[in-house]
Amino acid sequence: MKAILFNGSLERRSESTSGIISSYFSDRLEALGIQTDIFTLADSGIPCLMSHLPKHL
């Protein structure tokens, strides 16, 4: 079985609260034999969701 964990925070640091929570769930699911992948919104590169880009882009 596979699971995708969606981290919707715009925080990029893995030691942020959202990063720690995502890692916790990932570790727990992997302990149950479930393959996980964490999708982090801040690293997605989707322009309309990137708040740090200038408004004219």
PDB file of N, CA and C in Angstrom:
ATOM      1  N   MET A   1       0.848  -1.167   0.000  1.00  0.00           N
ATOM      2  CA  MET A   1       0.000   0.000   0.000  1.00  0.00           C
ATOM      3  C   MET A   1       0.897   1.234   0.000  1.00  0.00           C
ATOM      4  N   LYS A   2       0.391   2.313  -0.616  1.00  0.00           N
ATOM      5  CA  LYS A   2       1.119   3.570  -0.685  1.00  0.00           C
ATOM      6  C   LYS A   2       0.257   4.696  -0.133  1.00  0.00           C
ATOM      7  N   ALA A   3       0.917   5.710   0.412  1.00  0.00           N
ATOM      8  CA  ALA A   3       0.204   6.879   0.931  1.00  0.00           C
ATOM      9  C   ALA A   3       0.968   8.141   0.562  1.00  0.00           C
ATOM     10  N   ILE A   4       0.230   9.173   0.187  1.00  0.00           N
ATOM     11  CA  ILE A   4       0.823  10.484  -0.060  1.00  0.00           C
ATOM     12  C   ILE A   4       0.396  11.387   1.090  1.00  0.00           C
ATOM     13  N   LEU A   5       1.367  12.001   1.732  1.00  0.00           N
ATOM     14  CA  LEU A   5       1.093  12.959   2.801  1.00  0.00           C
ATOM     15  C   LEU A   5       1.230  14.359   2.208  1.00  0.00           C
ATOM     16  N   PHE A   6       0.195  15.156   2.331  1.00  0.00           N
ATOM     17  CA  PHE A   6       0.186  16.514   1.790  1.00  0.00           C
ATOM     18  C   PHE A   6       0.532  17.496   2.892  1.00  0.00           C
ATOM     19  N   ASN A   7       1.662  18.197   2.724  1.00  0.00           N
ATOM     20  CA  ASN A   7       2.068  19.236   3.662  1.00  0.00           C
ATOM     21  C   ASN A   7       1.779  20.573   2.986  1.00  0.00           C
ATOM     22  N   GLY A   8       0.696  21.224   3.383  1.00  0.00           N
ATOM     23  CA  GLY A   8       0.251  22.456   2.747  1.00  0.00           C
ATOM     24  C   GLY A   8       0.898  23.719   3.273  1.00  0.00           C
ATOM     25  N   SER A   9       1.860  23.581   4.161  1.00  0.00           N
ATOM     26  CA  SER A   9       2.536  24.747   4.701  1.00  0.00           C
ATOM     27  C   SER A   9       3.494  25.335   3.670  1.00  0.00           C
ATOM     28  N   LEU A  10       3.688  26.635   3.706  1.00  0.00           N
ATOM     29  CA  LEU A  10       4.660  27.273   2.822  1.00  0.00           C
ATOM     30  C   LEU A  10       6.045  27.345   3.468  1.00  0.00           C
ATOM     31  N   GLU A  11       6.182  26.752   4.628  1.00  0.00           N
ATOM     32  CA  GLU A  11       7.468  26.676   5.332  1.00  0.00           C
ATOM     33  C   GLU A  11       8.346  25.637   4.645  1.00  0.00           C
ATOM     34  N   ARG A  12       9.588  25.982   4.336  1.00  0.00           N
ATOM     35  CA  ARG A  12      10.488  25.078   3.628  1.00  0.00           C
ATOM     36  C   ARG A  12      11.378  24.256   4.552  1.00  0.00           C
ATOM     37  N   ARG A  13      11.550  24.658   5.795  1.00  0.00           N
ATOM     38  CA  ARG A  13      12.460  23.954   6.705  1.00  0.00           C
ATOM     39  C   ARG A  13      11.864  22.616   7.144  1.00  0.00           C
ATOM     40  N   SER A  14      12.675  21.559   7.099  1.00  0.00           N
ATOM     41  CA  SER A  14      12.180  20.244   7.515  1.00  0.00           C
ATOM     42  C   SER A  14      11.958  20.178   9.026  1.00  0.00           C
ATOM     43  N   GLU A  15      12.605  21.074   9.778  1.00  0.00           N
ATOM     44  CA  GLU A  15      12.416  21.077  11.232  1.00  0.00           C
ATOM     45  C   GLU A  15      11.278  22.008  11.672  1.00  0.00           C
ATOM     46  N   SER A  16      10.482  22.480  10.725  1.00  0.00           N
ATOM     47  CA  SER A  16       9.309  23.274  11.073  1.00  0.00           C
ATOM     48  C   SER A  16       8.256  22.350  11.686  1.00  0.00           C
ATOM     49  N   THR A  17       7.255  22.922  12.299  1.00  0.00           N
ATOM     50  CA  THR A  17       6.205  22.119  12.924  1.00  0.00           C
ATOM     51  C   THR A  17       5.530  21.209  11.900  1.00  0.00           C
ATOM     52  N   SER A  18       5.207  21.746  10.733  1.00  0.00           N
ATOM     53  CA  SER A  18       4.556  20.923   9.708  1.00  0.00           C
ATOM     54  C   SER A  18       5.484  19.823   9.193  1.00  0.00           C
ATOM     55  N   GLY A  19       6.773  20.115   9.098  1.00  0.00           N
ATOM     56  CA  GLY A  19       7.741  19.104   8.675  1.00  0.00           C
ATOM     57  C   GLY A  19       7.878  17.982   9.688  1.00  0.00           C
ATOM     58  N   ILE A  20       7.879  18.336  10.957  1.00  0.00           N
ATOM     59  CA  ILE A  20       7.982  17.337  12.029  1.00  0.00           C
ATOM     60  C   ILE A  20       6.737  16.450  12.059  1.00  0.00           C
ATOM     61  N   ILE A  21       5.569  17.060  11.906  1.00  0.00           N
ATOM     62  CA  ILE A  21       4.321  16.291  11.905  1.00  0.00           C
ATOM     63  C   ILE A  21       4.270  15.356  10.703  1.00  0.00           C
ATOM     64  N   SER A  22       4.657  15.852   9.528  1.00  0.00           N
ATOM     65  CA  SER A  22       4.675  15.014   8.326  1.00  0.00           C
ATOM     66  C   SER A  22       5.625  13.835   8.499  1.00  0.00           C
ATOM     67  N   SER A  23       6.794  14.098   9.048  1.00  0.00           N
ATOM     68  CA  SER A  23       7.770  13.025   9.276  1.00  0.00           C
ATOM     69  C   SER A  23       7.252  12.006  10.285  1.00  0.00           C
ATOM     70  N   TYR A  24       6.562  12.479  11.308  1.00  0.00           N
ATOM     71  CA  TYR A  24       5.992  11.581  12.314  1.00  0.00           C
ATOM     72  C   TYR A  24       5.006  10.604  11.664  1.00  0.00           C
ATOM     73  N   PHE A  25       4.071  11.163  10.875  1.00  0.00           N
ATOM     74  CA  PHE A  25       3.090  10.293  10.216  1.00  0.00           C
ATOM     75  C   PHE A  25       3.756   9.355   9.219  1.00  0.00           C
ATOM     76  N   SER A  26       4.739   9.858   8.506  1.00  0.00           N
ATOM     77  CA  SER A  26       5.460   9.030   7.545  1.00  0.00           C
ATOM     78  C   SER A  26       6.151   7.861   8.248  1.00  0.00           C
ATOM     79  N   ASP A  27       6.822   8.144   9.353  1.00  0.00           N
ATOM     80  CA  ASP A  27       7.502   7.085  10.118  1.00  0.00           C
ATOM     81  C   ASP A  27       6.512   6.048  10.629  1.00  0.00           C
ATOM     82  N   ARG A  28       5.385   6.500  11.145  1.00  0.00           N
ATOM     83  CA  ARG A  28       4.364   5.578  11.678  1.00  0.00           C
ATOM     84  C   ARG A  28       3.773   4.697  10.580  1.00  0.00           C
ATOM     85  N   LEU A  29       3.480   5.287   9.439  1.00  0.00           N
ATOM     86  CA  LEU A  29       2.919   4.513   8.339  1.00  0.00           C
ATOM     87  C   LEU A  29       3.933   3.513   7.784  1.00  0.00           C
ATOM     88  N   GLU A  30       5.198   3.928   7.679  1.00  0.00           N
ATOM     89  CA  GLU A  30       6.231   3.019   7.186  1.00  0.00           C
ATOM     90  C   GLU A  30       6.458   1.863   8.151  1.00  0.00           C
ATOM     91  N   ALA A  31       6.272   2.099   9.439  1.00  0.00           N
ATOM     92  CA  ALA A  31       6.384   1.026  10.423  1.00  0.00           C
ATOM     93  C   ALA A  31       5.288  -0.019  10.232  1.00  0.00           C
ATOM     94  N   LEU A  32       4.181   0.404   9.626  1.00  0.00           N
ATOM     95  CA  LEU A  32       3.080  -0.508   9.330  1.00  0.00           C
ATOM     96  C   LEU A  32       3.220  -1.146   7.951  1.00  0.00           C
ATOM     97  N   GLY A  33       4.319  -0.835   7.260  1.00  0.00           N
ATOM     98  CA  GLY A  33       4.560  -1.410   5.946  1.00  0.00           C
ATOM     99  C   GLY A  33       3.962  -0.619   4.797  1.00  0.00           C
ATOM    100  N   ILE A  34       3.585   0.625   5.049  1.00  0.00           N
ATOM    101  CA  ILE A  34       2.982   1.473   4.027  1.00  0.00           C
ATOM    102  C   ILE A  34       4.058   2.407   3.478  1.00  0.00           C
ATOM    103  N   GLN A  35       4.238   2.379   2.163  1.00  0.00           N
ATOM    104  CA  GLN A  35       5.208   3.255   1.510  1.00  0.00           C
ATOM    105  C   GLN A  35       4.641   4.663   1.466  1.00  0.00           C
ATOM    106  N   THR A  36       5.426   5.663   1.872  1.00  0.00           N
ATOM    107  CA  THR A  36       4.916   7.039   1.926  1.00  0.00           C
ATOM    108  C   THR A  36       5.739   7.980   1.057  1.00  0.00           C
ATOM    109  N   ASP A  37       5.087   9.036   0.640  1.00  0.00           N
ATOM    110  CA  ASP A  37       5.729  10.127  -0.072  1.00  0.00           C
ATOM    111  C   ASP A  37       5.116  11.410   0.475  1.00  0.00           C
ATOM    112  N   ILE A  38       5.958  12.379   0.825  1.00  0.00           N
ATOM    113  CA  ILE A  38       5.467  13.640   1.372  1.00  0.00           C
ATOM    114  C   ILE A  38       5.498  14.693   0.268  1.00  0.00           C
ATOM    115  N   PHE A  39       4.327  15.231  -0.076  1.00  0.00           N
ATOM    116  CA  PHE A  39       4.214  16.323  -1.044  1.00  0.00           C
ATOM    117  C   PHE A  39       4.199  17.617  -0.248  1.00  0.00           C
ATOM    118  N   THR A  40       5.235  18.439  -0.427  1.00  0.00           N
ATOM    119  CA  THR A  40       5.342  19.702   0.284  1.00  0.00           C
ATOM    120  C   THR A  40       5.011  20.839  -0.667  1.00  0.00           C
ATOM    121  N   LEU A  41       3.984  21.577  -0.350  1.00  0.00           N
ATOM    122  CA  LEU A  41       3.508  22.652  -1.210  1.00  0.00           C
ATOM    123  C   LEU A  41       4.612  23.673  -1.488  1.00  0.00           C
ATOM    124  N   ALA A  42       5.408  24.013  -0.488  1.00  0.00           N
ATOM    125  CA  ALA A  42       6.461  25.017  -0.657  1.00  0.00           C
ATOM    126  C   ALA A  42       7.501  24.589  -1.689  1.00  0.00           C
ATOM    127  N   ASP A  43       7.705  23.298  -1.864  1.00  0.00           N
ATOM    128  CA  ASP A  43       8.687  22.789  -2.815  1.00  0.00           C
ATOM    129  C   ASP A  43       8.069  22.370  -4.142  1.00  0.00           C
ATOM    130  N   SER A  44       6.783  22.596  -4.311  1.00  0.00           N
ATOM    131  CA  SER A  44       6.084  22.113  -5.499  1.00  0.00           C
ATOM    132  C   SER A  44       6.406  22.917  -6.754  1.00  0.00           C
ATOM    133  N   GLY A  45       6.723  24.186  -6.592  1.00  0.00           N
ATOM    134  CA  GLY A  45       7.019  25.027  -7.743  1.00  0.00           C
ATOM    135  C   GLY A  45       5.786  25.463  -8.510  1.00  0.00           C
ATOM    136  N   ILE A  46       4.622  25.355  -7.920  1.00  0.00           N
ATOM    137  CA  ILE A  46       3.380  25.788  -8.577  1.00  0.00           C
ATOM    138  C   ILE A  46       3.285  27.307  -8.400  1.00  0.00           C
ATOM    139  N   PRO A  47       3.455  28.086  -9.476  1.00  0.00           N
ATOM    140  CA  PRO A  47       3.555  29.547  -9.362  1.00  0.00           C
ATOM    141  C   PRO A  47       2.389  30.225  -8.660  1.00  0.00           C
ATOM    142  N   CYS A  48       1.159  29.811  -8.911  1.00  0.00           N
ATOM    143  CA  CYS A  48       0.024  30.507  -8.306  1.00  0.00           C
ATOM    144  C   CYS A  48      -0.076  30.271  -6.803  1.00  0.00           C
ATOM    145  N   LEU A  49       0.680  29.316  -6.285  1.00  0.00           N
ATOM    146  CA  LEU A  49       0.645  29.019  -4.854  1.00  0.00           C
ATOM    147  C   LEU A  49       1.883  29.519  -4.113  1.00  0.00           C
ATOM    148  N   MET A  50       2.785  30.161  -4.822  1.00  0.00           N
ATOM    149  CA  MET A  50       4.030  30.604  -4.210  1.00  0.00           C
ATOM    150  C   MET A  50       3.895  32.048  -3.750  1.00  0.00           C
ATOM    151  N   SER A  51       3.712  32.249  -2.476  1.00  0.00           N
ATOM    152  CA  SER A  51       3.467  33.589  -1.934  1.00  0.00           C
ATOM    153  C   SER A  51       4.720  34.452  -1.913  1.00  0.00           C
ATOM    154  N   HIS A  52       5.902  33.848  -2.019  1.00  0.00           N
ATOM    155  CA  HIS A  52       7.136  34.623  -1.953  1.00  0.00           C
ATOM    156  C   HIS A  52       7.552  35.218  -3.294  1.00  0.00           C
ATOM    157  N   LEU A  53       6.847  34.879  -4.381  1.00  0.00           N
ATOM    158  CA  LEU A  53       7.161  35.429  -5.692  1.00  0.00           C
ATOM    159  C   LEU A  53       6.609  36.847  -5.810  1.00  0.00           C
ATOM    160  N   PRO A  54       7.284  37.697  -6.579  1.00  0.00           N
ATOM    161  CA  PRO A  54       6.755  39.051  -6.806  1.00  0.00           C
ATOM    162  C   PRO A  54       5.371  38.976  -7.469  1.00  0.00           C
ATOM    163  N   LYS A  55       4.528  39.945  -7.176  1.00  0.00           N
ATOM    164  CA  LYS A  55       3.149  39.951  -7.671  1.00  0.00           C
ATOM    165  C   LYS A  55       3.063  40.106  -9.192  1.00  0.00           C
ATOM    166  N   HIS A  56       4.069  40.680  -9.835  1.00  0.00           N
ATOM    167  CA  HIS A  56       3.996  40.894 -11.270  1.00  0.00           C
ATOM    168  C   HIS A  56       4.339  39.653 -12.087  1.00  0.00           C
ATOM    169  N   LEU A  57       4.704  38.546 -11.469  1.00  0.00           N
ATOM    170  CA  LEU A  57       5.020  37.320 -12.219  1.00  0.00           C
ATOM    171  C   LEU A  57       3.794  36.485 -12.432  1.00  0.00           C
TER     172      LEU A  57
END
